[in-house]
Amino acid sequence: MNSIGIIGAGNIGRAFATALANNNIRATLSNSRGPDSLKDVVAAIGPSIEAGTREEAASKDIVLVAVNWSKLPAALAGLPDFSGRIVIDANNPIEAPLFKPAELNGRLSSEVFTGLVPGARVVKAFNHLQPHLLSGDPRAEGGRRVLFYSGDDAGSKAEVSALIDRLGFFGIDLGPISVGGRLVQFPGGPLPALNLVKFD
């Protein structure tokens, strides 16, 4: 089983950690303030989640990053090259409370993100579903909730697809990031916040 790290303990990071804990999958959760600030958070999520440093989370086989857009460069600065490991881009180029879109100068947010994680095999996933749905029961209305993912490397997508399946969701491959990243980008893409169910 791949080891999993999470950089960012906001709504999406905590929801992903909760989905893992619901399936007794171990992971290391980190934020910018250090492990001590997360003691109560991980205790509430479940025993399979531990608090760690940013560097510890970044050293895992699969690393999910979910950080406020303006803080991404600082959150990822100084980390070692990811050396072919999988990094899941769960970020949206927008920030509360104003929800004003970031200026991307015509680029996809995932293209900007990829530049911040040298050596990583980036998969875009876990950003389009509202956090309470991601952390809740994936079986809904007689089917399984859909999670979209996209990426440019078939092997890394297969591993993320297997993780999505293990969490109980139904994964749909949207193709390369140039296509899928645009479809799930929030704001702008047509798929964010859609709560879709695949009937078995």
N, C-alpha and C. Protein backbone atom coordinates (compact mmCIF):
# COMPACT_ATOMS: atom_id res chain seq x y z
N MET A 1 0.84 -1.19 0.00
CA MET A 1 0.00 0.00 0.00
C MET A 1 0.88 1.24 0.00
N ASN A 2 0.57 2.17 -0.90
CA ASN A 2 1.33 3.41 -0.96
C ASN A 2 1.17 4.22 0.32
N SER A 3 2.26 4.86 0.75
CA SER A 3 2.15 5.80 1.85
C SER A 3 1.57 7.11 1.31
N ILE A 4 0.82 7.83 2.16
CA ILE A 4 0.10 9.02 1.71
C ILE A 4 0.42 10.20 2.63
N GLY A 5 0.71 11.33 2.04
CA GLY A 5 0.91 12.57 2.79
C GLY A 5 -0.05 13.64 2.28
N ILE A 6 -0.39 14.56 3.17
CA ILE A 6 -1.31 15.65 2.83
C ILE A 6 -0.66 16.96 3.25
N ILE A 7 -0.50 17.86 2.30
CA ILE A 7 0.01 19.20 2.60
C ILE A 7 -1.18 20.16 2.52
N GLY A 8 -1.54 20.70 3.68
CA GLY A 8 -2.71 21.58 3.75
C GLY A 8 -3.80 20.95 4.58
N ALA A 9 -4.17 21.60 5.68
CA ALA A 9 -5.17 21.05 6.59
C ALA A 9 -6.43 21.92 6.61
N GLY A 10 -6.75 22.49 5.45
CA GLY A 10 -8.00 23.24 5.31
C GLY A 10 -9.15 22.29 5.02
N ASN A 11 -10.21 22.82 4.44
CA ASN A 11 -11.42 22.01 4.23
C ASN A 11 -11.17 20.77 3.38
N ILE A 12 -10.47 20.95 2.24
CA ILE A 12 -10.26 19.82 1.35
C ILE A 12 -9.27 18.82 1.95
N GLY A 13 -8.18 19.30 2.52
CA GLY A 13 -7.20 18.41 3.13
C GLY A 13 -7.80 17.58 4.24
N ARG A 14 -8.59 18.22 5.09
CA ARG A 14 -9.24 17.48 6.20
C ARG A 14 -10.28 16.51 5.67
N ALA A 15 -11.03 16.91 4.63
CA ALA A 15 -12.04 16.01 4.06
C ALA A 15 -11.39 14.78 3.45
N PHE A 16 -10.28 14.96 2.76
CA PHE A 16 -9.54 13.83 2.17
C PHE A 16 -9.02 12.92 3.28
N ALA A 17 -8.47 13.52 4.33
CA ALA A 17 -7.98 12.73 5.47
C ALA A 17 -9.12 11.94 6.11
N THR A 18 -10.29 12.55 6.20
CA THR A 18 -11.44 11.86 6.79
C THR A 18 -11.88 10.69 5.92
N ALA A 19 -11.88 10.89 4.59
CA ALA A 19 -12.23 9.79 3.68
C ALA A 19 -11.25 8.64 3.84
N LEU A 20 -9.96 8.94 4.00
CA LEU A 20 -8.96 7.89 4.24
C LEU A 20 -9.23 7.19 5.56
N ALA A 21 -9.48 7.98 6.61
CA ALA A 21 -9.71 7.41 7.94
C ALA A 21 -10.95 6.52 7.95
N ASN A 22 -11.96 6.91 7.18
CA ASN A 22 -13.18 6.10 7.11
C ASN A 22 -12.90 4.70 6.56
N ASN A 23 -11.78 4.58 5.84
CA ASN A 23 -11.39 3.29 5.26
C ASN A 23 -10.13 2.72 5.89
N ASN A 24 -9.80 3.27 7.06
CA ASN A 24 -8.64 2.80 7.83
C ASN A 24 -7.34 2.84 7.03
N ILE A 25 -7.18 3.90 6.22
CA ILE A 25 -5.97 4.10 5.43
C ILE A 25 -5.10 5.13 6.15
N ARG A 26 -3.84 4.79 6.35
CA ARG A 26 -2.93 5.68 7.09
C ARG A 26 -2.47 6.85 6.22
N ALA A 27 -2.30 8.01 6.86
CA ALA A 27 -1.78 9.18 6.15
C ALA A 27 -1.19 10.15 7.16
N THR A 28 -0.33 11.02 6.65
CA THR A 28 0.29 12.08 7.45
C THR A 28 -0.25 13.42 6.98
N LEU A 29 -0.86 14.17 7.91
CA LEU A 29 -1.46 15.47 7.62
C LEU A 29 -0.54 16.57 8.11
N SER A 30 -0.32 17.59 7.27
CA SER A 30 0.59 18.67 7.66
C SER A 30 -0.01 20.03 7.29
N ASN A 31 0.52 21.06 7.95
CA ASN A 31 0.17 22.43 7.60
C ASN A 31 1.38 23.32 7.81
N SER A 32 1.19 24.62 7.67
CA SER A 32 2.32 25.54 7.78
C SER A 32 2.72 25.82 9.23
N ARG A 33 1.86 25.45 10.18
CA ARG A 33 2.11 25.80 11.58
C ARG A 33 2.73 24.66 12.39
N GLY A 34 2.89 23.50 11.78
CA GLY A 34 3.57 22.42 12.46
C GLY A 34 2.63 21.40 13.10
N PRO A 35 3.16 20.19 13.41
CA PRO A 35 2.32 19.09 13.88
C PRO A 35 1.56 19.38 15.17
N ASP A 36 2.16 20.15 16.08
CA ASP A 36 1.49 20.41 17.36
C ASP A 36 0.15 21.10 17.16
N SER A 37 0.05 21.92 16.12
CA SER A 37 -1.20 22.66 15.88
C SER A 37 -2.31 21.76 15.35
N LEU A 38 -1.96 20.52 15.00
CA LEU A 38 -2.93 19.61 14.39
C LEU A 38 -3.35 18.47 15.32
N LYS A 39 -2.89 18.49 16.56
CA LYS A 39 -3.19 17.38 17.48
C LYS A 39 -4.68 17.14 17.60
N ASP A 40 -5.44 18.20 17.85
CA ASP A 40 -6.89 18.04 18.03
C ASP A 40 -7.56 17.62 16.72
N VAL A 41 -7.05 18.14 15.61
CA VAL A 41 -7.63 17.82 14.30
C VAL A 41 -7.50 16.34 13.99
N VAL A 42 -6.29 15.79 14.13
CA VAL A 42 -6.09 14.38 13.79
C VAL A 42 -6.80 13.48 14.80
N ALA A 43 -6.88 13.90 16.06
CA ALA A 43 -7.59 13.11 17.07
C ALA A 43 -9.07 12.98 16.70
N ALA A 44 -9.62 14.06 16.14
CA ALA A 44 -11.03 14.05 15.76
C ALA A 44 -11.28 13.23 14.50
N ILE A 45 -10.27 13.18 13.61
CA ILE A 45 -10.46 12.46 12.34
C ILE A 45 -10.40 10.96 12.54
N GLY A 46 -9.41 10.48 13.28
CA GLY A 46 -9.32 9.04 13.49
C GLY A 46 -7.90 8.57 13.67
N PRO A 47 -7.70 7.36 14.20
CA PRO A 47 -6.37 6.88 14.57
C PRO A 47 -5.44 6.59 13.40
N SER A 48 -5.96 6.47 12.18
CA SER A 48 -5.07 6.18 11.05
C SER A 48 -4.39 7.43 10.50
N ILE A 49 -4.79 8.60 11.00
CA ILE A 49 -4.21 9.88 10.54
C ILE A 49 -3.29 10.43 11.61
N GLU A 50 -2.07 10.78 11.22
CA GLU A 50 -1.13 11.38 12.15
C GLU A 50 -0.71 12.76 11.66
N ALA A 51 -0.35 13.60 12.60
CA ALA A 51 0.17 14.93 12.24
C ALA A 51 1.67 14.82 11.97
N GLY A 52 2.13 15.55 10.98
CA GLY A 52 3.54 15.54 10.66
C GLY A 52 4.00 16.89 10.12
N THR A 53 5.27 16.98 9.83
CA THR A 53 5.80 18.19 9.22
C THR A 53 5.48 18.19 7.73
N ARG A 54 5.61 19.34 7.13
CA ARG A 54 5.42 19.46 5.68
C ARG A 54 6.38 18.53 4.94
N GLU A 55 7.61 18.45 5.43
CA GLU A 55 8.63 17.61 4.78
C GLU A 55 8.27 16.13 4.91
N GLU A 56 7.73 15.72 6.05
CA GLU A 56 7.32 14.33 6.23
C GLU A 56 6.18 13.98 5.28
N ALA A 57 5.19 14.86 5.18
CA ALA A 57 4.07 14.61 4.27
C ALA A 57 4.55 14.53 2.82
N ALA A 58 5.50 15.41 2.47
CA ALA A 58 5.98 15.48 1.09
C ALA A 58 6.85 14.29 0.70
N SER A 59 7.28 13.49 1.68
CA SER A 59 8.17 12.36 1.39
C SER A 59 7.40 11.08 1.04
N LYS A 60 6.07 11.11 1.12
CA LYS A 60 5.27 9.91 0.92
C LYS A 60 5.16 9.55 -0.57
N ASP A 61 4.65 8.34 -0.84
CA ASP A 61 4.51 7.87 -2.22
C ASP A 61 3.50 8.70 -3.00
N ILE A 62 2.39 9.04 -2.33
CA ILE A 62 1.35 9.89 -2.92
C ILE A 62 1.16 11.08 -2.00
N VAL A 63 1.24 12.28 -2.57
CA VAL A 63 1.12 13.50 -1.78
C VAL A 63 -0.02 14.34 -2.33
N LEU A 64 -1.04 14.59 -1.52
CA LEU A 64 -2.12 15.47 -1.92
C LEU A 64 -1.83 16.87 -1.40
N VAL A 65 -1.95 17.86 -2.28
CA VAL A 65 -1.72 19.25 -1.90
C VAL A 65 -3.02 20.03 -2.05
N ALA A 66 -3.46 20.65 -0.96
CA ALA A 66 -4.68 21.46 -0.97
C ALA A 66 -4.45 22.67 -0.07
N VAL A 67 -4.01 23.77 -0.69
CA VAL A 67 -3.58 24.96 0.05
C VAL A 67 -4.23 26.18 -0.60
N ASN A 68 -4.49 27.21 0.20
CA ASN A 68 -4.98 28.47 -0.38
C ASN A 68 -4.05 28.89 -1.51
N TRP A 69 -4.63 29.30 -2.62
CA TRP A 69 -3.86 29.52 -3.84
C TRP A 69 -2.67 30.45 -3.63
N SER A 70 -2.87 31.55 -2.94
CA SER A 70 -1.79 32.53 -2.77
C SER A 70 -0.67 31.99 -1.88
N LYS A 71 -0.95 30.94 -1.11
CA LYS A 71 0.05 30.39 -0.20
C LYS A 71 0.76 29.17 -0.77
N LEU A 72 0.35 28.74 -1.98
CA LEU A 72 0.96 27.55 -2.57
C LEU A 72 2.48 27.65 -2.74
N PRO A 73 3.00 28.74 -3.31
CA PRO A 73 4.46 28.81 -3.50
C PRO A 73 5.22 28.62 -2.19
N ALA A 74 4.76 29.27 -1.11
CA ALA A 74 5.44 29.14 0.18
C ALA A 74 5.27 27.73 0.74
N ALA A 75 4.10 27.13 0.54
CA ALA A 75 3.85 25.79 1.07
C ALA A 75 4.74 24.74 0.43
N LEU A 76 5.14 24.97 -0.82
CA LEU A 76 5.92 23.98 -1.56
C LEU A 76 7.39 24.36 -1.70
N ALA A 77 7.75 25.54 -1.26
CA ALA A 77 9.13 26.02 -1.43
C ALA A 77 10.11 25.19 -0.61
N GLY A 78 11.24 24.88 -1.22
CA GLY A 78 12.32 24.22 -0.50
C GLY A 78 12.18 22.73 -0.32
N LEU A 79 11.11 22.14 -0.82
CA LEU A 79 10.96 20.68 -0.72
C LEU A 79 11.87 19.99 -1.74
N PRO A 80 12.35 18.80 -1.41
CA PRO A 80 13.19 18.08 -2.37
C PRO A 80 12.42 17.72 -3.64
N ASP A 81 13.17 17.45 -4.71
CA ASP A 81 12.56 16.99 -5.95
C ASP A 81 11.69 15.75 -5.67
N PHE A 82 10.52 15.69 -6.31
CA PHE A 82 9.61 14.59 -6.02
C PHE A 82 9.99 13.28 -6.71
N SER A 83 10.95 13.34 -7.61
CA SER A 83 11.59 12.12 -8.15
C SER A 83 10.59 11.08 -8.66
N GLY A 84 9.59 11.54 -9.42
CA GLY A 84 8.66 10.62 -10.04
C GLY A 84 7.52 10.17 -9.15
N ARG A 85 7.46 10.67 -7.91
CA ARG A 85 6.34 10.31 -7.05
C ARG A 85 5.07 11.07 -7.47
N ILE A 86 3.93 10.58 -7.01
CA ILE A 86 2.63 11.14 -7.42
C ILE A 86 2.26 12.31 -6.51
N VAL A 87 1.92 13.43 -7.12
CA VAL A 87 1.39 14.57 -6.37
C VAL A 87 0.00 14.90 -6.91
N ILE A 88 -0.98 14.87 -6.03
CA ILE A 88 -2.36 15.17 -6.41
C ILE A 88 -2.62 16.65 -6.22
N ASP A 89 -2.99 17.30 -7.30
CA ASP A 89 -3.34 18.73 -7.28
C ASP A 89 -4.83 18.84 -6.95
N ALA A 90 -5.13 19.22 -5.70
CA ALA A 90 -6.52 19.38 -5.28
C ALA A 90 -6.85 20.85 -5.03
N ASN A 91 -6.13 21.72 -5.72
CA ASN A 91 -6.25 23.16 -5.47
C ASN A 91 -7.19 23.83 -6.47
N ASN A 92 -7.80 24.91 -6.01
CA ASN A 92 -8.62 25.76 -6.87
C ASN A 92 -8.05 27.18 -6.83
N PRO A 93 -7.92 27.83 -8.01
CA PRO A 93 -7.29 29.15 -8.06
C PRO A 93 -8.25 30.27 -7.62
N ILE A 94 -8.65 30.20 -6.38
CA ILE A 94 -9.65 31.12 -5.85
C ILE A 94 -9.51 31.10 -4.34
N GLU A 95 -9.91 32.18 -3.68
CA GLU A 95 -9.76 32.21 -2.23
C GLU A 95 -10.97 32.82 -1.55
N ALA A 96 -11.33 32.21 -0.42
CA ALA A 96 -12.35 32.81 0.45
C ALA A 96 -11.72 34.03 1.14
N PRO A 97 -12.48 35.00 1.60
CA PRO A 97 -13.95 35.01 1.56
C PRO A 97 -14.53 35.65 0.29
N LEU A 98 -13.67 36.26 -0.54
CA LEU A 98 -14.20 37.00 -1.70
C LEU A 98 -14.41 36.11 -2.91
N PHE A 99 -13.74 34.95 -2.94
CA PHE A 99 -13.83 34.03 -4.08
C PHE A 99 -13.55 34.73 -5.41
N LYS A 100 -12.52 35.56 -5.38
CA LYS A 100 -12.09 36.23 -6.60
C LYS A 100 -11.07 35.33 -7.32
N PRO A 101 -11.30 35.04 -8.61
CA PRO A 101 -10.37 34.17 -9.33
C PRO A 101 -8.95 34.73 -9.35
N ALA A 102 -7.97 33.85 -9.23
CA ALA A 102 -6.57 34.27 -9.34
C ALA A 102 -6.26 34.59 -10.80
N GLU A 103 -5.29 35.45 -11.00
CA GLU A 103 -4.85 35.79 -12.36
C GLU A 103 -3.85 34.75 -12.83
N LEU A 104 -4.26 33.97 -13.82
CA LEU A 104 -3.42 32.87 -14.30
C LEU A 104 -2.78 33.17 -15.66
N ASN A 105 -3.09 34.34 -16.21
CA ASN A 105 -2.51 34.74 -17.50
C ASN A 105 -2.72 33.69 -18.59
N GLY A 106 -3.94 33.14 -18.61
CA GLY A 106 -4.29 32.21 -19.66
C GLY A 106 -3.85 30.77 -19.44
N ARG A 107 -3.13 30.51 -18.37
CA ARG A 107 -2.66 29.15 -18.10
C ARG A 107 -3.68 28.41 -17.24
N LEU A 108 -3.65 27.09 -17.30
CA LEU A 108 -4.45 26.28 -16.39
C LEU A 108 -3.80 26.31 -15.01
N SER A 109 -4.62 26.24 -13.97
CA SER A 109 -4.05 26.25 -12.62
C SER A 109 -3.13 25.06 -12.41
N SER A 110 -3.46 23.91 -13.02
CA SER A 110 -2.61 22.73 -12.86
C SER A 110 -1.26 22.90 -13.54
N GLU A 111 -1.20 23.70 -14.60
CA GLU A 111 0.09 23.99 -15.24
C GLU A 111 0.95 24.83 -14.30
N VAL A 112 0.34 25.80 -13.65
CA VAL A 112 1.06 26.62 -12.67
C VAL A 112 1.53 25.73 -11.51
N PHE A 113 0.63 24.88 -11.04
CA PHE A 113 0.94 24.00 -9.90
C PHE A 113 2.11 23.06 -10.24
N THR A 114 2.09 22.48 -11.44
CA THR A 114 3.14 21.54 -11.83
C THR A 114 4.52 22.17 -11.76
N GLY A 115 4.58 23.47 -12.05
CA GLY A 115 5.86 24.17 -11.96
C GLY A 115 6.39 24.31 -10.54
N LEU A 116 5.53 24.09 -9.55
CA LEU A 116 5.92 24.22 -8.15
C LEU A 116 6.34 22.89 -7.53
N VAL A 117 6.16 21.79 -8.27
CA VAL A 117 6.48 20.46 -7.72
C VAL A 117 7.40 19.71 -8.68
N PRO A 118 8.66 20.14 -8.79
CA PRO A 118 9.58 19.53 -9.75
C PRO A 118 9.73 18.04 -9.53
N GLY A 119 9.72 17.30 -10.64
CA GLY A 119 9.91 15.86 -10.59
C GLY A 119 8.66 15.06 -10.29
N ALA A 120 7.53 15.74 -10.03
CA ALA A 120 6.31 15.03 -9.65
C ALA A 120 5.54 14.56 -10.88
N ARG A 121 4.83 13.45 -10.71
CA ARG A 121 3.82 13.04 -11.68
C ARG A 121 2.49 13.57 -11.14
N VAL A 122 2.00 14.64 -11.75
CA VAL A 122 0.84 15.36 -11.20
C VAL A 122 -0.47 14.76 -11.72
N VAL A 123 -1.38 14.53 -10.80
CA VAL A 123 -2.74 14.11 -11.13
C VAL A 123 -3.70 15.13 -10.52
N LYS A 124 -4.59 15.67 -11.33
CA LYS A 124 -5.61 16.60 -10.83
C LYS A 124 -6.79 15.78 -10.32
N ALA A 125 -7.13 15.94 -9.04
CA ALA A 125 -8.23 15.16 -8.46
C ALA A 125 -8.63 15.76 -7.12
N PHE A 126 -9.80 15.40 -6.65
CA PHE A 126 -10.30 15.73 -5.31
C PHE A 126 -10.57 17.22 -5.10
N ASN A 127 -10.62 18.01 -6.17
CA ASN A 127 -10.86 19.44 -5.98
C ASN A 127 -12.28 19.86 -6.31
N HIS A 128 -13.04 18.99 -7.02
CA HIS A 128 -14.32 19.47 -7.58
C HIS A 128 -15.52 19.18 -6.69
N LEU A 129 -15.38 18.24 -5.74
CA LEU A 129 -16.52 17.87 -4.91
C LEU A 129 -16.47 18.67 -3.60
N GLN A 130 -17.62 19.11 -3.14
CA GLN A 130 -17.66 19.88 -1.89
C GLN A 130 -17.12 19.02 -0.75
N PRO A 131 -16.37 19.63 0.18
CA PRO A 131 -15.69 18.85 1.23
C PRO A 131 -16.60 17.92 2.02
N HIS A 132 -17.81 18.36 2.34
CA HIS A 132 -18.68 17.50 3.16
C HIS A 132 -19.11 16.25 2.38
N LEU A 133 -19.11 16.33 1.05
CA LEU A 133 -19.43 15.15 0.23
C LEU A 133 -18.21 14.23 0.10
N LEU A 134 -17.03 14.84 0.05
CA LEU A 134 -15.79 14.05 -0.03
C LEU A 134 -15.56 13.27 1.26
N SER A 135 -15.90 13.87 2.39
CA SER A 135 -15.67 13.21 3.68
C SER A 135 -16.84 12.33 4.10
N GLY A 136 -17.96 12.41 3.39
CA GLY A 136 -19.15 11.66 3.75
C GLY A 136 -19.21 10.29 3.09
N ASP A 137 -20.35 9.66 3.17
CA ASP A 137 -20.54 8.33 2.61
C ASP A 137 -20.56 8.41 1.08
N PRO A 138 -19.63 7.73 0.39
CA PRO A 138 -19.61 7.81 -1.08
C PRO A 138 -20.77 7.08 -1.74
N ARG A 139 -21.45 6.23 -0.99
CA ARG A 139 -22.62 5.54 -1.55
C ARG A 139 -23.84 6.40 -1.33
N ALA A 140 -24.44 6.83 -2.43
CA ALA A 140 -25.54 7.80 -2.34
C ALA A 140 -26.61 7.46 -3.37
N GLU A 141 -27.85 7.62 -2.95
CA GLU A 141 -28.97 7.43 -3.88
C GLU A 141 -28.87 6.11 -4.66
N GLY A 142 -28.35 5.08 -4.00
CA GLY A 142 -28.28 3.78 -4.64
C GLY A 142 -27.10 3.56 -5.55
N GLY A 143 -26.18 4.49 -5.58
CA GLY A 143 -24.99 4.35 -6.42
C GLY A 143 -23.75 4.85 -5.69
N ARG A 144 -22.72 5.20 -6.48
CA ARG A 144 -21.48 5.72 -5.89
C ARG A 144 -21.20 7.12 -6.42
N ARG A 145 -20.80 8.02 -5.54
CA ARG A 145 -20.46 9.37 -5.97
C ARG A 145 -19.26 9.34 -6.92
N VAL A 146 -19.30 10.24 -7.89
CA VAL A 146 -18.26 10.30 -8.92
C VAL A 146 -17.15 11.25 -8.49
N LEU A 147 -15.91 10.82 -8.70
CA LEU A 147 -14.75 11.69 -8.56
C LEU A 147 -14.00 11.70 -9.89
N PHE A 148 -13.72 12.89 -10.41
CA PHE A 148 -12.98 13.03 -11.66
C PHE A 148 -11.48 13.09 -11.37
N TYR A 149 -10.70 12.62 -12.32
CA TYR A 149 -9.25 12.78 -12.22
C TYR A 149 -8.67 12.91 -13.62
N SER A 150 -7.53 13.56 -13.72
CA SER A 150 -6.85 13.71 -15.01
C SER A 150 -5.36 13.79 -14.77
N GLY A 151 -4.60 13.45 -15.81
CA GLY A 151 -3.15 13.49 -15.68
C GLY A 151 -2.50 13.06 -16.98
N ASP A 152 -1.20 13.27 -17.07
CA ASP A 152 -0.47 13.00 -18.30
C ASP A 152 0.34 11.70 -18.24
N ASP A 153 0.25 10.98 -17.12
CA ASP A 153 1.00 9.74 -16.95
C ASP A 153 0.02 8.63 -16.58
N ALA A 154 -0.03 7.60 -17.41
CA ALA A 154 -1.02 6.53 -17.22
C ALA A 154 -0.83 5.79 -15.90
N GLY A 155 0.41 5.55 -15.51
CA GLY A 155 0.68 4.81 -14.28
C GLY A 155 0.19 5.53 -13.04
N SER A 156 0.47 6.84 -12.98
CA SER A 156 0.04 7.60 -11.80
C SER A 156 -1.47 7.72 -11.75
N LYS A 157 -2.10 7.85 -12.92
CA LYS A 157 -3.56 7.90 -12.94
C LYS A 157 -4.16 6.58 -12.47
N ALA A 158 -3.54 5.48 -12.83
CA ALA A 158 -4.04 4.17 -12.41
C ALA A 158 -3.98 4.03 -10.89
N GLU A 159 -2.91 4.55 -10.29
CA GLU A 159 -2.79 4.47 -8.83
C GLU A 159 -3.81 5.36 -8.14
N VAL A 160 -4.04 6.55 -8.66
CA VAL A 160 -5.05 7.44 -8.07
C VAL A 160 -6.45 6.85 -8.27
N SER A 161 -6.67 6.24 -9.44
CA SER A 161 -7.96 5.59 -9.70
C SER A 161 -8.20 4.47 -8.68
N ALA A 162 -7.16 3.69 -8.39
CA ALA A 162 -7.29 2.60 -7.41
C ALA A 162 -7.59 3.15 -6.02
N LEU A 163 -6.98 4.29 -5.68
CA LEU A 163 -7.26 4.90 -4.38
C LEU A 163 -8.70 5.40 -4.31
N ILE A 164 -9.17 6.05 -5.37
CA ILE A 164 -10.56 6.53 -5.43
C ILE A 164 -11.51 5.36 -5.24
N ASP A 165 -11.22 4.25 -5.91
CA ASP A 165 -12.07 3.07 -5.80
C ASP A 165 -12.04 2.51 -4.38
N ARG A 166 -10.87 2.50 -3.77
CA ARG A 166 -10.76 1.99 -2.40
C ARG A 166 -11.54 2.85 -1.42
N LEU A 167 -11.65 4.14 -1.71
CA LEU A 167 -12.41 5.04 -0.85
C LEU A 167 -13.92 4.87 -1.05
N GLY A 168 -14.31 4.11 -2.07
CA GLY A 168 -15.72 3.85 -2.31
C GLY A 168 -16.37 4.72 -3.36
N PHE A 169 -15.58 5.62 -3.96
CA PHE A 169 -16.10 6.49 -5.01
C PHE A 169 -15.95 5.83 -6.38
N PHE A 170 -16.57 6.41 -7.38
CA PHE A 170 -16.43 5.95 -8.75
C PHE A 170 -15.60 6.97 -9.51
N GLY A 171 -14.41 6.57 -9.93
CA GLY A 171 -13.51 7.49 -10.62
C GLY A 171 -13.78 7.54 -12.12
N ILE A 172 -13.71 8.73 -12.68
CA ILE A 172 -13.84 8.92 -14.13
C ILE A 172 -12.61 9.67 -14.63
N ASP A 173 -11.90 9.04 -15.56
CA ASP A 173 -10.69 9.60 -16.14
C ASP A 173 -11.07 10.62 -17.21
N LEU A 174 -10.66 11.86 -17.00
CA LEU A 174 -10.97 12.93 -17.95
C LEU A 174 -9.85 13.15 -18.97
N GLY A 175 -8.85 12.25 -18.98
CA GLY A 175 -7.78 12.38 -19.97
C GLY A 175 -6.61 13.19 -19.46
N PRO A 176 -5.85 13.82 -20.37
CA PRO A 176 -4.69 14.60 -19.96
C PRO A 176 -5.11 15.86 -19.20
N ILE A 177 -4.18 16.43 -18.45
CA ILE A 177 -4.49 17.62 -17.65
C ILE A 177 -4.93 18.78 -18.54
N SER A 178 -4.41 18.86 -19.76
CA SER A 178 -4.80 19.96 -20.65
C SER A 178 -6.29 19.95 -20.94
N VAL A 179 -6.90 18.75 -20.86
CA VAL A 179 -8.35 18.61 -21.06
C VAL A 179 -9.08 18.57 -19.72
N GLY A 180 -8.72 17.56 -18.90
CA GLY A 180 -9.41 17.37 -17.63
C GLY A 180 -9.22 18.50 -16.66
N GLY A 181 -8.01 19.07 -16.63
CA GLY A 181 -7.76 20.18 -15.73
C GLY A 181 -8.65 21.38 -16.02
N ARG A 182 -8.95 21.58 -17.29
CA ARG A 182 -9.83 22.69 -17.67
C ARG A 182 -11.28 22.41 -17.27
N LEU A 183 -11.70 21.15 -17.39
CA LEU A 183 -13.08 20.79 -17.09
C LEU A 183 -13.40 20.93 -15.61
N VAL A 184 -12.41 20.65 -14.73
CA VAL A 184 -12.68 20.69 -13.29
C VAL A 184 -12.16 21.95 -12.62
N GLN A 185 -11.53 22.85 -13.37
CA GLN A 185 -11.00 24.05 -12.74
C GLN A 185 -12.14 24.92 -12.22
N PHE A 186 -11.96 25.38 -10.98
CA PHE A 186 -12.95 26.27 -10.37
C PHE A 186 -12.28 27.58 -10.01
N PRO A 187 -12.81 28.70 -10.51
CA PRO A 187 -14.00 28.82 -11.36
C PRO A 187 -13.68 28.60 -12.83
N GLY A 188 -14.71 28.45 -13.63
CA GLY A 188 -14.54 28.38 -15.08
C GLY A 188 -14.94 27.07 -15.70
N GLY A 189 -14.58 25.95 -15.07
CA GLY A 189 -14.90 24.64 -15.63
C GLY A 189 -16.35 24.25 -15.36
N PRO A 190 -16.90 23.35 -16.19
CA PRO A 190 -18.31 22.97 -16.03
C PRO A 190 -18.58 21.92 -14.97
N LEU A 191 -17.54 21.27 -14.41
CA LEU A 191 -17.77 20.12 -13.54
C LEU A 191 -17.68 20.40 -12.03
N PRO A 192 -17.01 21.45 -11.56
CA PRO A 192 -16.92 21.63 -10.11
C PRO A 192 -18.28 21.74 -9.44
N ALA A 193 -18.34 21.16 -8.24
CA ALA A 193 -19.53 21.21 -7.37
C ALA A 193 -20.69 20.36 -7.88
N LEU A 194 -20.54 19.69 -9.05
CA LEU A 194 -21.57 18.76 -9.46
C LEU A 194 -21.50 17.51 -8.58
N ASN A 195 -22.62 17.12 -8.05
CA ASN A 195 -22.69 15.92 -7.21
C ASN A 195 -23.32 14.82 -8.07
N LEU A 196 -22.45 14.09 -8.78
CA LEU A 196 -22.93 13.07 -9.70
C LEU A 196 -22.82 11.69 -9.09
N VAL A 197 -23.74 10.82 -9.42
CA VAL A 197 -23.77 9.46 -8.87
C VAL A 197 -23.76 8.46 -10.02
N LYS A 198 -22.88 7.44 -9.93
CA LYS A 198 -22.83 6.35 -10.90
C LYS A 198 -23.64 5.19 -10.32
N PHE A 199 -24.65 4.76 -11.07
CA PHE A 199 -25.46 3.64 -10.60
C PHE A 199 -24.85 2.33 -11.09
N ASP A 200 -24.67 1.40 -10.17
CA ASP A 200 -24.04 0.12 -10.51
C ASP A 200 -25.01 -0.79 -11.25
